[in-house]
Amino acid sequence: MTGVLGRDHPLYDDCVLLLSELATNAILHTRSGQDGFFQVSVHVSGSLVRVWVLDGGSDGPPCACRTGLRSTGGRGLPLIEAISHRWGLSRENGATTVWFELLLAPAVWSAEAV
């Protein structure tokens, strides 16, 4: 991530957080964690950063289910949904690609807020 985006990019921390969630999901919930692989792609264009994670696939699609307060897992995709501008997934040839986009929105200043 650092080589493509750079640590000084304003979206760097959010990208690293969300990418770590997708990488963890790939290892824990797909065939990637069973001597498989996963592939990360990052594209930066102006104010948009798009990240894709291609994994080894699983028997079912990823679940953006809500979990209980005491659950120790199940918050990755809801976190991606909450932080990203948009996200999605595709399944093809037994593999799954989950992607997210982060948009650098300009700060809005209002004299009324002061």
N, C-alpha and C. Protein backbone atom coordinates (compact mmCIF):
# COMPACT_ATOMS: atom_id res chain seq x y z
N MET A 1 0.83 -1.19 0.00
CA MET A 1 0.00 0.00 0.00
C MET A 1 0.87 1.25 0.00
N THR A 2 1.93 1.23 0.81
CA THR A 2 2.78 2.41 0.93
C THR A 2 3.41 2.77 -0.40
N GLY A 3 3.83 1.78 -1.18
CA GLY A 3 4.48 2.04 -2.45
C GLY A 3 3.56 2.68 -3.48
N VAL A 4 2.28 2.41 -3.40
CA VAL A 4 1.33 2.95 -4.36
C VAL A 4 0.72 4.25 -3.87
N LEU A 5 0.30 4.27 -2.63
CA LEU A 5 -0.44 5.41 -2.09
C LEU A 5 0.45 6.40 -1.35
N GLY A 6 1.38 5.90 -0.59
CA GLY A 6 2.25 6.77 0.20
C GLY A 6 1.64 7.07 1.56
N ARG A 7 2.46 7.04 2.59
CA ARG A 7 1.98 7.24 3.96
C ARG A 7 1.38 8.62 4.18
N ASP A 8 1.75 9.60 3.37
CA ASP A 8 1.25 10.96 3.56
C ASP A 8 -0.11 11.20 2.91
N HIS A 9 -0.60 10.23 2.15
CA HIS A 9 -1.90 10.40 1.49
C HIS A 9 -3.00 10.45 2.56
N PRO A 10 -3.96 11.37 2.44
CA PRO A 10 -5.00 11.49 3.47
C PRO A 10 -5.89 10.26 3.63
N LEU A 11 -5.93 9.37 2.64
CA LEU A 11 -6.75 8.16 2.74
C LEU A 11 -5.94 6.93 3.12
N TYR A 12 -4.66 7.10 3.38
CA TYR A 12 -3.78 5.97 3.64
C TYR A 12 -4.27 5.11 4.81
N ASP A 13 -4.53 5.71 5.96
CA ASP A 13 -4.92 4.93 7.14
C ASP A 13 -6.21 4.15 6.91
N ASP A 14 -7.20 4.78 6.29
CA ASP A 14 -8.45 4.08 6.00
C ASP A 14 -8.22 2.93 5.02
N CYS A 15 -7.37 3.14 4.01
CA CYS A 15 -7.07 2.08 3.05
C CYS A 15 -6.39 0.89 3.72
N VAL A 16 -5.43 1.16 4.58
CA VAL A 16 -4.72 0.09 5.27
C VAL A 16 -5.68 -0.69 6.18
N LEU A 17 -6.54 0.02 6.89
CA LEU A 17 -7.51 -0.64 7.76
C LEU A 17 -8.43 -1.55 6.97
N LEU A 18 -9.02 -1.03 5.90
CA LEU A 18 -9.97 -1.82 5.12
C LEU A 18 -9.29 -2.95 4.37
N LEU A 19 -8.09 -2.70 3.86
CA LEU A 19 -7.35 -3.77 3.20
C LEU A 19 -7.02 -4.88 4.18
N SER A 20 -6.66 -4.54 5.40
CA SER A 20 -6.35 -5.58 6.39
C SER A 20 -7.59 -6.43 6.68
N GLU A 21 -8.76 -5.81 6.68
CA GLU A 21 -10.00 -6.58 6.88
C GLU A 21 -10.21 -7.56 5.74
N LEU A 22 -10.03 -7.10 4.50
CA LEU A 22 -10.23 -8.00 3.35
C LEU A 22 -9.18 -9.10 3.30
N ALA A 23 -7.94 -8.78 3.64
CA ALA A 23 -6.89 -9.80 3.66
C ALA A 23 -7.17 -10.85 4.74
N THR A 24 -7.61 -10.40 5.89
CA THR A 24 -7.96 -11.32 6.98
C THR A 24 -9.12 -12.21 6.55
N ASN A 25 -10.14 -11.62 5.93
CA ASN A 25 -11.27 -12.41 5.45
C ASN A 25 -10.82 -13.45 4.43
N ALA A 26 -9.91 -13.07 3.53
CA ALA A 26 -9.42 -14.01 2.53
C ALA A 26 -8.73 -15.20 3.18
N ILE A 27 -7.95 -14.95 4.21
CA ILE A 27 -7.22 -16.03 4.88
C ILE A 27 -8.14 -16.89 5.74
N LEU A 28 -9.06 -16.26 6.46
CA LEU A 28 -9.91 -17.01 7.39
C LEU A 28 -11.11 -17.69 6.75
N HIS A 29 -11.66 -17.10 5.68
CA HIS A 29 -12.96 -17.56 5.20
C HIS A 29 -12.96 -18.09 3.76
N THR A 30 -11.78 -18.20 3.13
CA THR A 30 -11.76 -18.70 1.75
C THR A 30 -10.66 -19.76 1.62
N ARG A 31 -10.60 -20.34 0.44
CA ARG A 31 -9.57 -21.33 0.17
C ARG A 31 -8.16 -20.71 0.15
N SER A 32 -8.08 -19.39 0.16
CA SER A 32 -6.76 -18.73 0.22
C SER A 32 -6.02 -19.09 1.49
N GLY A 33 -6.75 -19.34 2.57
CA GLY A 33 -6.12 -19.70 3.84
C GLY A 33 -5.72 -21.16 3.93
N GLN A 34 -6.01 -21.92 2.89
CA GLN A 34 -5.68 -23.35 2.86
C GLN A 34 -4.61 -23.57 1.80
N ASP A 35 -3.43 -23.03 2.02
CA ASP A 35 -2.31 -23.09 1.08
C ASP A 35 -2.62 -22.42 -0.25
N GLY A 36 -3.52 -21.46 -0.22
CA GLY A 36 -3.87 -20.72 -1.42
C GLY A 36 -3.15 -19.39 -1.47
N PHE A 37 -3.74 -18.46 -2.15
CA PHE A 37 -3.16 -17.13 -2.29
C PHE A 37 -4.28 -16.11 -2.32
N PHE A 38 -3.92 -14.86 -2.17
CA PHE A 38 -4.83 -13.79 -2.51
C PHE A 38 -4.00 -12.68 -3.15
N GLN A 39 -4.64 -11.89 -3.96
CA GLN A 39 -3.96 -10.86 -4.73
C GLN A 39 -4.59 -9.51 -4.43
N VAL A 40 -3.76 -8.50 -4.22
CA VAL A 40 -4.22 -7.15 -3.92
C VAL A 40 -3.87 -6.24 -5.09
N SER A 41 -4.83 -5.43 -5.52
CA SER A 41 -4.60 -4.41 -6.55
C SER A 41 -5.07 -3.08 -6.00
N VAL A 42 -4.31 -2.04 -6.26
CA VAL A 42 -4.64 -0.69 -5.80
C VAL A 42 -4.53 0.26 -6.98
N HIS A 43 -5.54 1.10 -7.13
CA HIS A 43 -5.53 2.12 -8.19
C HIS A 43 -5.86 3.47 -7.56
N VAL A 44 -5.01 4.45 -7.85
CA VAL A 44 -5.20 5.80 -7.34
C VAL A 44 -5.40 6.72 -8.53
N SER A 45 -6.47 7.50 -8.48
CA SER A 45 -6.76 8.44 -9.57
C SER A 45 -7.38 9.69 -8.97
N GLY A 46 -6.59 10.74 -8.89
CA GLY A 46 -7.11 11.99 -8.33
C GLY A 46 -7.58 11.80 -6.91
N SER A 47 -8.86 12.01 -6.68
CA SER A 47 -9.41 11.93 -5.32
C SER A 47 -10.00 10.55 -5.01
N LEU A 48 -9.80 9.57 -5.88
CA LEU A 48 -10.38 8.24 -5.70
C LEU A 48 -9.29 7.19 -5.53
N VAL A 49 -9.47 6.32 -4.55
CA VAL A 49 -8.61 5.16 -4.36
C VAL A 49 -9.50 3.93 -4.41
N ARG A 50 -9.12 2.97 -5.27
CA ARG A 50 -9.90 1.73 -5.38
C ARG A 50 -8.96 0.57 -5.08
N VAL A 51 -9.42 -0.33 -4.21
CA VAL A 51 -8.63 -1.49 -3.79
C VAL A 51 -9.45 -2.74 -4.07
N TRP A 52 -8.81 -3.74 -4.68
CA TRP A 52 -9.44 -5.04 -4.96
C TRP A 52 -8.65 -6.11 -4.25
N VAL A 53 -9.34 -7.10 -3.70
CA VAL A 53 -8.68 -8.29 -3.16
C VAL A 53 -9.34 -9.49 -3.83
N LEU A 54 -8.53 -10.23 -4.58
CA LEU A 54 -8.96 -11.46 -5.24
C LEU A 54 -8.51 -12.62 -4.37
N ASP A 55 -9.46 -13.48 -3.99
CA ASP A 55 -9.09 -14.61 -3.13
C ASP A 55 -9.45 -15.92 -3.80
N GLY A 56 -9.16 -17.02 -3.11
CA GLY A 56 -9.36 -18.35 -3.65
C GLY A 56 -10.80 -18.82 -3.69
N GLY A 57 -11.71 -17.99 -3.22
CA GLY A 57 -13.12 -18.35 -3.25
C GLY A 57 -13.53 -19.22 -2.08
N SER A 58 -14.83 -19.34 -1.92
CA SER A 58 -15.40 -20.14 -0.84
C SER A 58 -16.69 -20.75 -1.33
N ASP A 59 -17.31 -21.56 -0.48
CA ASP A 59 -18.55 -22.21 -0.88
C ASP A 59 -19.72 -21.23 -0.96
N GLY A 60 -19.66 -20.15 -0.22
CA GLY A 60 -20.74 -19.16 -0.22
C GLY A 60 -20.17 -17.76 -0.39
N PRO A 61 -21.04 -16.81 -0.71
CA PRO A 61 -20.56 -15.43 -0.87
C PRO A 61 -20.22 -14.81 0.49
N PRO A 62 -19.38 -13.77 0.48
CA PRO A 62 -19.10 -13.06 1.73
C PRO A 62 -20.39 -12.51 2.34
N CYS A 63 -20.42 -12.43 3.65
CA CYS A 63 -21.62 -11.97 4.35
C CYS A 63 -21.34 -10.66 5.06
N ALA A 64 -22.14 -9.66 4.77
CA ALA A 64 -22.04 -8.38 5.47
C ALA A 64 -23.08 -8.36 6.59
N CYS A 65 -23.16 -9.46 7.30
CA CYS A 65 -24.15 -9.63 8.36
C CYS A 65 -23.79 -8.78 9.58
N ARG A 66 -24.79 -8.42 10.32
CA ARG A 66 -24.58 -7.71 11.58
C ARG A 66 -24.38 -8.75 12.68
N THR A 67 -23.50 -8.44 13.62
CA THR A 67 -23.22 -9.37 14.70
C THR A 67 -23.62 -8.77 16.04
N GLY A 68 -23.63 -9.60 17.05
CA GLY A 68 -23.96 -9.15 18.39
C GLY A 68 -22.83 -8.35 19.01
N LEU A 69 -23.15 -7.64 20.07
CA LEU A 69 -22.16 -6.79 20.74
C LEU A 69 -20.99 -7.58 21.29
N ARG A 70 -21.20 -8.81 21.68
CA ARG A 70 -20.14 -9.61 22.29
C ARG A 70 -19.42 -10.51 21.28
N SER A 71 -19.80 -10.47 20.03
CA SER A 71 -19.16 -11.29 19.01
C SER A 71 -17.72 -10.84 18.80
N THR A 72 -16.84 -11.80 18.54
CA THR A 72 -15.43 -11.47 18.31
C THR A 72 -15.10 -11.36 16.83
N GLY A 73 -16.06 -11.55 15.97
CA GLY A 73 -15.83 -11.44 14.53
C GLY A 73 -17.07 -10.93 13.84
N GLY A 74 -16.98 -10.83 12.53
CA GLY A 74 -18.14 -10.45 11.73
C GLY A 74 -18.31 -8.96 11.53
N ARG A 75 -17.28 -8.18 11.81
CA ARG A 75 -17.41 -6.73 11.65
C ARG A 75 -16.67 -6.19 10.44
N GLY A 76 -15.93 -7.03 9.73
CA GLY A 76 -15.10 -6.57 8.62
C GLY A 76 -15.88 -5.92 7.49
N LEU A 77 -16.82 -6.62 6.91
CA LEU A 77 -17.58 -6.05 5.80
C LEU A 77 -18.49 -4.90 6.23
N PRO A 78 -19.14 -4.97 7.40
CA PRO A 78 -19.86 -3.78 7.86
C PRO A 78 -18.95 -2.56 8.05
N LEU A 79 -17.71 -2.80 8.48
CA LEU A 79 -16.75 -1.70 8.61
C LEU A 79 -16.42 -1.12 7.23
N ILE A 80 -16.22 -1.99 6.26
CA ILE A 80 -15.95 -1.53 4.89
C ILE A 80 -17.14 -0.75 4.37
N GLU A 81 -18.33 -1.24 4.64
CA GLU A 81 -19.55 -0.55 4.22
C GLU A 81 -19.65 0.83 4.86
N ALA A 82 -19.26 0.95 6.11
CA ALA A 82 -19.39 2.22 6.84
C ALA A 82 -18.35 3.25 6.41
N ILE A 83 -17.12 2.82 6.13
CA ILE A 83 -16.04 3.76 5.84
C ILE A 83 -15.90 4.08 4.36
N SER A 84 -16.13 3.11 3.51
CA SER A 84 -15.88 3.32 2.08
C SER A 84 -16.97 4.16 1.42
N HIS A 85 -16.60 4.74 0.30
CA HIS A 85 -17.56 5.47 -0.53
C HIS A 85 -18.56 4.48 -1.13
N ARG A 86 -18.02 3.36 -1.60
CA ARG A 86 -18.85 2.25 -2.07
C ARG A 86 -17.97 1.01 -2.12
N TRP A 87 -18.62 -0.16 -2.18
CA TRP A 87 -17.89 -1.41 -2.24
C TRP A 87 -18.75 -2.45 -2.94
N GLY A 88 -18.14 -3.56 -3.29
CA GLY A 88 -18.89 -4.62 -3.93
C GLY A 88 -18.06 -5.88 -4.04
N LEU A 89 -18.63 -6.88 -4.68
CA LEU A 89 -17.92 -8.13 -4.88
C LEU A 89 -18.39 -8.79 -6.15
N SER A 90 -17.53 -9.65 -6.67
CA SER A 90 -17.89 -10.48 -7.82
C SER A 90 -17.29 -11.86 -7.60
N ARG A 91 -17.96 -12.85 -8.15
CA ARG A 91 -17.49 -14.22 -8.05
C ARG A 91 -17.39 -14.77 -9.46
N GLU A 92 -16.21 -15.31 -9.77
CA GLU A 92 -15.99 -15.82 -11.12
C GLU A 92 -14.96 -16.94 -11.09
N ASN A 93 -15.25 -18.03 -11.76
CA ASN A 93 -14.34 -19.17 -11.86
C ASN A 93 -13.86 -19.66 -10.49
N GLY A 94 -14.75 -19.67 -9.51
CA GLY A 94 -14.42 -20.16 -8.18
C GLY A 94 -13.72 -19.17 -7.28
N ALA A 95 -13.35 -18.00 -7.80
CA ALA A 95 -12.65 -16.98 -7.01
C ALA A 95 -13.62 -15.85 -6.67
N THR A 96 -13.27 -15.11 -5.64
CA THR A 96 -14.07 -13.95 -5.24
C THR A 96 -13.19 -12.71 -5.24
N THR A 97 -13.71 -11.63 -5.78
CA THR A 97 -13.04 -10.34 -5.70
C THR A 97 -13.93 -9.41 -4.90
N VAL A 98 -13.39 -8.86 -3.83
CA VAL A 98 -14.08 -7.86 -3.04
C VAL A 98 -13.30 -6.56 -3.22
N TRP A 99 -14.03 -5.47 -3.47
CA TRP A 99 -13.37 -4.19 -3.72
C TRP A 99 -14.04 -3.10 -2.90
N PHE A 100 -13.29 -2.03 -2.69
CA PHE A 100 -13.86 -0.84 -2.07
C PHE A 100 -13.23 0.40 -2.70
N GLU A 101 -13.97 1.48 -2.61
CA GLU A 101 -13.48 2.77 -3.07
C GLU A 101 -13.54 3.76 -1.92
N LEU A 102 -12.51 4.56 -1.82
CA LEU A 102 -12.49 5.68 -0.88
C LEU A 102 -12.37 6.95 -1.70
N LEU A 103 -13.14 7.93 -1.33
CA LEU A 103 -13.19 9.19 -2.06
C LEU A 103 -12.74 10.30 -1.13
N LEU A 104 -11.75 11.05 -1.59
CA LEU A 104 -11.27 12.19 -0.82
C LEU A 104 -12.22 13.35 -1.08
N ALA A 105 -13.10 13.56 -0.12
CA ALA A 105 -14.10 14.62 -0.27
C ALA A 105 -13.53 15.92 0.29
N PRO A 106 -13.73 17.01 -0.42
CA PRO A 106 -13.23 18.29 0.11
C PRO A 106 -13.98 18.66 1.39
N ALA A 107 -13.26 19.26 2.30
CA ALA A 107 -13.88 19.71 3.55
C ALA A 107 -14.86 20.83 3.24
N VAL A 108 -16.00 20.77 3.88
CA VAL A 108 -17.02 21.82 3.70
C VAL A 108 -16.99 22.70 4.93
N TRP A 109 -16.78 23.98 4.72
CA TRP A 109 -16.70 24.93 5.83
C TRP A 109 -17.93 25.80 5.78
N SER A 110 -18.50 26.00 6.92
CA SER A 110 -19.68 26.86 7.02
C SER A 110 -19.46 27.87 8.14
N ALA A 111 -19.72 29.12 7.83
CA ALA A 111 -19.59 30.16 8.84
C ALA A 111 -20.58 29.96 9.97
N GLU A 112 -21.70 29.30 9.69
CA GLU A 112 -22.72 29.05 10.70
C GLU A 112 -22.24 28.05 11.75
N ALA A 113 -21.29 27.21 11.38
CA ALA A 113 -20.79 26.19 12.31
C ALA A 113 -19.82 26.76 13.33
N VAL A 114 -19.34 27.95 13.08
CA VAL A 114 -18.34 28.53 13.98
C VAL A 114 -19.00 29.17 15.17
